[in-house]
Amino acid sequence: MAIIGTPFTPGTLLLRLGSRARRRRLGLALTRRALSERSGVPEATIKRFENTGEAGSRALTMMLAAMGLADDLERLFGEPPPNSVDDVLRPERRRGLRADAGVRRRTTR
């Protein structure tokens, strides 16, 4: 099954990410041990990520931050740019409590 918009399966994409992470680490002249010490992520987790692309989100975040890639991760789920002037002028949609959420309602018995 390909991921929408890409020709890759999730497994293939994970393998590519792990491989790219290894190349980035090596490009920074870091051993797995050095990255482990910098990031606080066990060497075994780094090795597993580089070989399979699988790691928990906390470990991944810590590794990326230690390699100077935290800003790239932050941009991953950034706000999309507006499509029109109307998008810019539209008031921000707020989710959460209703305006009358703190008001007790009368109940009839």
N, C-alpha and C. Protein backbone atom coordinates (compact mmCIF):
# COMPACT_ATOMS: atom_id res chain seq x y z
N MET A 1 0.84 -1.17 0.00
CA MET A 1 0.00 0.00 0.00
C MET A 1 0.89 1.24 0.00
N ALA A 2 0.72 2.11 -0.96
CA ALA A 2 1.49 3.34 -1.03
C ALA A 2 0.84 4.40 -0.14
N ILE A 3 1.68 5.29 0.38
CA ILE A 3 1.17 6.41 1.15
C ILE A 3 0.63 7.41 0.15
N ILE A 4 -0.50 8.02 0.45
CA ILE A 4 -1.12 8.97 -0.46
C ILE A 4 -0.12 10.05 -0.86
N GLY A 5 0.03 10.24 -2.15
CA GLY A 5 0.92 11.27 -2.67
C GLY A 5 2.37 10.84 -2.82
N THR A 6 2.71 9.61 -2.42
CA THR A 6 4.07 9.12 -2.60
C THR A 6 4.03 7.72 -3.20
N PRO A 7 5.07 7.32 -3.88
CA PRO A 7 5.11 5.97 -4.44
C PRO A 7 5.64 4.94 -3.43
N PHE A 8 5.82 5.35 -2.18
CA PHE A 8 6.45 4.48 -1.19
C PHE A 8 5.44 3.82 -0.28
N THR A 9 5.77 2.62 0.14
CA THR A 9 4.99 1.98 1.20
C THR A 9 5.50 2.54 2.52
N PRO A 10 4.74 2.42 3.60
CA PRO A 10 5.25 2.90 4.90
C PRO A 10 6.59 2.26 5.26
N GLY A 11 6.76 0.96 5.00
CA GLY A 11 8.02 0.28 5.32
C GLY A 11 9.18 0.84 4.52
N THR A 12 8.96 1.09 3.25
CA THR A 12 10.01 1.65 2.39
C THR A 12 10.38 3.05 2.85
N LEU A 13 9.39 3.84 3.20
CA LEU A 13 9.65 5.20 3.67
C LEU A 13 10.45 5.17 4.97
N LEU A 14 10.11 4.26 5.88
CA LEU A 14 10.87 4.14 7.13
C LEU A 14 12.32 3.76 6.86
N LEU A 15 12.53 2.81 5.97
CA LEU A 15 13.91 2.41 5.62
C LEU A 15 14.69 3.59 5.05
N ARG A 16 14.05 4.37 4.21
CA ARG A 16 14.71 5.55 3.62
C ARG A 16 15.06 6.58 4.69
N LEU A 17 14.14 6.79 5.65
CA LEU A 17 14.41 7.75 6.73
C LEU A 17 15.58 7.29 7.58
N GLY A 18 15.61 6.01 7.92
CA GLY A 18 16.72 5.48 8.71
C GLY A 18 18.04 5.63 8.00
N SER A 19 18.03 5.33 6.71
CA SER A 19 19.25 5.44 5.91
C SER A 19 19.73 6.89 5.84
N ARG A 20 18.79 7.81 5.67
CA ARG A 20 19.15 9.23 5.61
C ARG A 20 19.69 9.71 6.95
N ALA A 21 19.09 9.22 8.03
CA ALA A 21 19.57 9.60 9.36
C ALA A 21 21.01 9.13 9.56
N ARG A 22 21.30 7.91 9.11
CA ARG A 22 22.67 7.39 9.22
C ARG A 22 23.63 8.28 8.43
N ARG A 23 23.25 8.63 7.19
CA ARG A 23 24.12 9.50 6.38
C ARG A 23 24.32 10.86 7.05
N ARG A 24 23.28 11.39 7.66
CA ARG A 24 23.40 12.69 8.34
C ARG A 24 24.35 12.56 9.53
N ARG A 25 24.17 11.49 10.31
CA ARG A 25 25.04 11.27 11.47
C ARG A 25 26.49 11.17 11.03
N LEU A 26 26.75 10.38 10.00
CA LEU A 26 28.11 10.21 9.50
C LEU A 26 28.65 11.52 8.93
N GLY A 27 27.79 12.28 8.28
CA GLY A 27 28.20 13.58 7.74
C GLY A 27 28.60 14.56 8.84
N LEU A 28 28.05 14.36 10.02
CA LEU A 28 28.42 15.18 11.17
C LEU A 28 29.61 14.59 11.93
N ALA A 29 30.16 13.51 11.38
CA ALA A 29 31.31 12.81 11.99
C ALA A 29 30.99 12.33 13.40
N LEU A 30 29.77 11.81 13.57
CA LEU A 30 29.36 11.28 14.86
C LEU A 30 29.28 9.76 14.81
N THR A 31 29.83 9.12 15.80
CA THR A 31 29.61 7.69 15.95
C THR A 31 28.24 7.50 16.61
N ARG A 32 27.75 6.28 16.58
CA ARG A 32 26.49 6.02 17.29
C ARG A 32 26.66 6.32 18.78
N ARG A 33 27.82 5.96 19.31
CA ARG A 33 28.07 6.23 20.73
C ARG A 33 28.03 7.72 21.02
N ALA A 34 28.66 8.52 20.16
CA ALA A 34 28.67 9.97 20.37
C ALA A 34 27.25 10.54 20.27
N LEU A 35 26.48 10.07 19.30
CA LEU A 35 25.10 10.54 19.17
C LEU A 35 24.29 10.11 20.38
N SER A 36 24.55 8.91 20.86
CA SER A 36 23.87 8.42 22.06
C SER A 36 24.16 9.32 23.25
N GLU A 37 25.41 9.68 23.42
CA GLU A 37 25.80 10.54 24.54
C GLU A 37 25.19 11.93 24.41
N ARG A 38 25.16 12.45 23.19
CA ARG A 38 24.59 13.79 22.95
C ARG A 38 23.08 13.81 23.15
N SER A 39 22.42 12.75 22.71
CA SER A 39 20.95 12.75 22.68
C SER A 39 20.30 12.09 23.89
N GLY A 40 21.03 11.20 24.55
CA GLY A 40 20.43 10.46 25.64
C GLY A 40 19.65 9.24 25.17
N VAL A 41 19.77 8.92 23.88
CA VAL A 41 19.09 7.76 23.29
C VAL A 41 20.08 6.59 23.27
N PRO A 42 19.66 5.42 23.72
CA PRO A 42 20.58 4.28 23.71
C PRO A 42 21.11 3.97 22.30
N GLU A 43 22.36 3.51 22.25
CA GLU A 43 22.97 3.15 20.96
C GLU A 43 22.13 2.12 20.21
N ALA A 44 21.57 1.17 20.94
CA ALA A 44 20.77 0.12 20.30
C ALA A 44 19.55 0.72 19.59
N THR A 45 18.97 1.75 20.18
CA THR A 45 17.81 2.40 19.56
C THR A 45 18.24 3.13 18.29
N ILE A 46 19.39 3.79 18.35
CA ILE A 46 19.90 4.49 17.17
C ILE A 46 20.18 3.48 16.05
N LYS A 47 20.81 2.37 16.40
CA LYS A 47 21.10 1.34 15.41
C LYS A 47 19.81 0.80 14.80
N ARG A 48 18.82 0.51 15.64
CA ARG A 48 17.54 0.00 15.13
C ARG A 48 16.89 1.01 14.20
N PHE A 49 16.92 2.30 14.59
CA PHE A 49 16.32 3.32 13.74
C PHE A 49 17.03 3.40 12.39
N GLU A 50 18.34 3.39 12.41
CA GLU A 50 19.09 3.49 11.16
C GLU A 50 18.87 2.27 10.26
N ASN A 51 18.66 1.12 10.85
CA ASN A 51 18.48 -0.11 10.06
C ASN A 51 17.04 -0.37 9.65
N THR A 52 16.08 0.10 10.43
CA THR A 52 14.67 -0.21 10.15
C THR A 52 13.80 1.03 9.97
N GLY A 53 14.28 2.17 10.46
CA GLY A 53 13.47 3.39 10.42
C GLY A 53 12.49 3.45 11.57
N GLU A 54 12.55 2.50 12.47
CA GLU A 54 11.59 2.46 13.58
C GLU A 54 12.21 2.97 14.86
N ALA A 55 11.52 3.91 15.48
CA ALA A 55 11.92 4.46 16.78
C ALA A 55 10.70 5.17 17.35
N GLY A 56 10.66 5.27 18.65
CA GLY A 56 9.58 6.02 19.29
C GLY A 56 9.72 7.50 18.99
N SER A 57 8.64 8.22 19.12
CA SER A 57 8.67 9.65 18.79
C SER A 57 9.61 10.43 19.72
N ARG A 58 9.68 10.06 21.00
CA ARG A 58 10.59 10.76 21.91
C ARG A 58 12.05 10.52 21.51
N ALA A 59 12.40 9.26 21.23
CA ALA A 59 13.77 8.95 20.83
C ALA A 59 14.11 9.65 19.52
N LEU A 60 13.20 9.63 18.58
CA LEU A 60 13.43 10.29 17.30
C LEU A 60 13.66 11.79 17.49
N THR A 61 12.82 12.40 18.30
CA THR A 61 12.94 13.83 18.57
C THR A 61 14.28 14.15 19.22
N MET A 62 14.71 13.32 20.17
CA MET A 62 15.97 13.56 20.86
C MET A 62 17.16 13.39 19.91
N MET A 63 17.09 12.38 19.03
CA MET A 63 18.17 12.18 18.06
C MET A 63 18.25 13.36 17.09
N LEU A 64 17.10 13.78 16.57
CA LEU A 64 17.09 14.88 15.61
C LEU A 64 17.59 16.17 16.24
N ALA A 65 17.19 16.42 17.47
CA ALA A 65 17.66 17.64 18.16
C ALA A 65 19.17 17.59 18.33
N ALA A 66 19.70 16.43 18.68
CA ALA A 66 21.14 16.29 18.89
C ALA A 66 21.92 16.47 17.59
N MET A 67 21.26 16.24 16.44
CA MET A 67 21.92 16.42 15.15
C MET A 67 21.60 17.79 14.54
N GLY A 68 20.96 18.65 15.33
CA GLY A 68 20.67 20.01 14.85
C GLY A 68 19.50 20.08 13.89
N LEU A 69 18.58 19.12 13.98
CA LEU A 69 17.46 19.07 13.05
C LEU A 69 16.11 19.37 13.71
N ALA A 70 16.13 19.92 14.90
CA ALA A 70 14.88 20.20 15.62
C ALA A 70 13.99 21.16 14.84
N ASP A 71 14.58 22.17 14.20
CA ASP A 71 13.78 23.13 13.44
C ASP A 71 13.07 22.44 12.27
N ASP A 72 13.76 21.49 11.64
CA ASP A 72 13.14 20.76 10.53
C ASP A 72 11.94 19.95 11.03
N LEU A 73 12.09 19.34 12.19
CA LEU A 73 10.99 18.57 12.77
C LEU A 73 9.83 19.49 13.12
N GLU A 74 10.13 20.64 13.66
CA GLU A 74 9.10 21.62 14.03
C GLU A 74 8.30 22.05 12.79
N ARG A 75 8.97 22.19 11.65
CA ARG A 75 8.29 22.62 10.43
C ARG A 75 7.39 21.54 9.83
N LEU A 76 7.62 20.29 10.22
CA LEU A 76 6.85 19.20 9.64
C LEU A 76 5.34 19.42 9.75
N PHE A 77 4.90 19.86 10.91
CA PHE A 77 3.48 20.05 11.13
C PHE A 77 3.14 21.52 11.36
N GLY A 78 3.85 22.38 10.66
CA GLY A 78 3.60 23.81 10.79
C GLY A 78 2.26 24.21 10.19
N GLU A 79 1.88 25.41 10.47
CA GLU A 79 0.62 25.94 9.93
C GLU A 79 0.74 26.08 8.42
N PRO A 80 -0.27 25.64 7.69
CA PRO A 80 -0.22 25.81 6.24
C PRO A 80 -0.35 27.28 5.87
N PRO A 81 0.28 27.70 4.78
CA PRO A 81 0.15 29.09 4.36
C PRO A 81 -1.28 29.36 3.90
N PRO A 82 -1.73 30.59 4.03
CA PRO A 82 -3.10 30.91 3.58
C PRO A 82 -3.21 30.74 2.07
N ASN A 83 -4.40 30.34 1.63
CA ASN A 83 -4.66 30.16 0.20
C ASN A 83 -5.22 31.41 -0.45
N SER A 84 -5.78 32.29 0.38
CA SER A 84 -6.41 33.49 -0.18
C SER A 84 -6.39 34.60 0.87
N VAL A 85 -6.77 35.80 0.43
CA VAL A 85 -6.89 36.92 1.35
C VAL A 85 -7.97 36.63 2.38
N ASP A 86 -9.03 35.95 1.95
CA ASP A 86 -10.10 35.60 2.88
C ASP A 86 -9.58 34.74 4.03
N ASP A 87 -8.65 33.85 3.73
CA ASP A 87 -8.06 33.02 4.79
C ASP A 87 -7.32 33.87 5.81
N VAL A 88 -6.66 34.93 5.34
CA VAL A 88 -5.91 35.80 6.24
C VAL A 88 -6.87 36.62 7.10
N LEU A 89 -7.96 37.07 6.51
CA LEU A 89 -8.89 37.95 7.21
C LEU A 89 -9.87 37.19 8.11
N ARG A 90 -10.07 35.92 7.86
CA ARG A 90 -11.00 35.12 8.64
C ARG A 90 -10.51 35.03 10.08
N PRO A 91 -11.40 35.26 11.05
CA PRO A 91 -10.97 35.15 12.45
C PRO A 91 -10.53 33.72 12.76
N GLU A 92 -9.58 33.62 13.68
CA GLU A 92 -9.06 32.30 14.05
C GLU A 92 -10.16 31.49 14.70
N ARG A 93 -10.27 30.26 14.27
CA ARG A 93 -11.27 29.36 14.82
C ARG A 93 -10.74 28.79 16.12
N ARG A 94 -11.52 28.91 17.17
CA ARG A 94 -11.08 28.43 18.47
C ARG A 94 -11.91 27.22 18.86
N ARG A 95 -11.23 26.24 19.35
CA ARG A 95 -11.90 25.04 19.82
C ARG A 95 -11.78 24.99 21.32
N GLY A 96 -12.72 24.36 21.93
CA GLY A 96 -12.66 24.23 23.38
C GLY A 96 -14.01 24.52 23.98
N LEU A 97 -13.99 25.26 25.07
CA LEU A 97 -15.22 25.55 25.79
C LEU A 97 -16.13 26.48 25.00
N ARG A 98 -17.40 26.23 25.11
CA ARG A 98 -18.38 27.15 24.51
C ARG A 98 -18.38 28.44 25.31
N ALA A 99 -18.87 29.49 24.71
CA ALA A 99 -18.89 30.79 25.37
C ALA A 99 -19.70 30.75 26.67
N ASP A 100 -20.74 29.93 26.71
CA ASP A 100 -21.59 29.86 27.90
C ASP A 100 -21.24 28.66 28.79
N ALA A 101 -20.06 28.11 28.64
CA ALA A 101 -19.69 26.89 29.36
C ALA A 101 -19.67 27.09 30.87
N GLY A 102 -19.36 28.27 31.35
CA GLY A 102 -19.27 28.50 32.78
C GLY A 102 -20.60 28.87 33.41
N VAL A 103 -21.64 29.04 32.62
CA VAL A 103 -22.95 29.45 33.11
C VAL A 103 -23.76 28.20 33.48
N ARG A 104 -24.25 28.20 34.70
CA ARG A 104 -25.09 27.07 35.12
C ARG A 104 -26.46 27.22 34.49
N ARG A 105 -26.95 26.17 34.00
CA ARG A 105 -28.29 26.18 33.39
C ARG A 105 -29.32 25.79 34.41
N ARG A 106 -30.45 26.37 34.27
CA ARG A 106 -31.56 26.02 35.15
C ARG A 106 -32.12 24.70 34.72
N THR A 107 -32.40 23.90 35.66
CA THR A 107 -33.03 22.61 35.34
C THR A 107 -34.43 22.63 35.92
N THR A 108 -35.31 22.06 35.18
CA THR A 108 -36.70 21.97 35.67
C THR A 108 -36.94 20.57 36.16
N ARG A 109 -37.60 20.49 37.27
CA ARG A 109 -37.89 19.16 37.83
C ARG A 109 -39.35 18.96 37.97
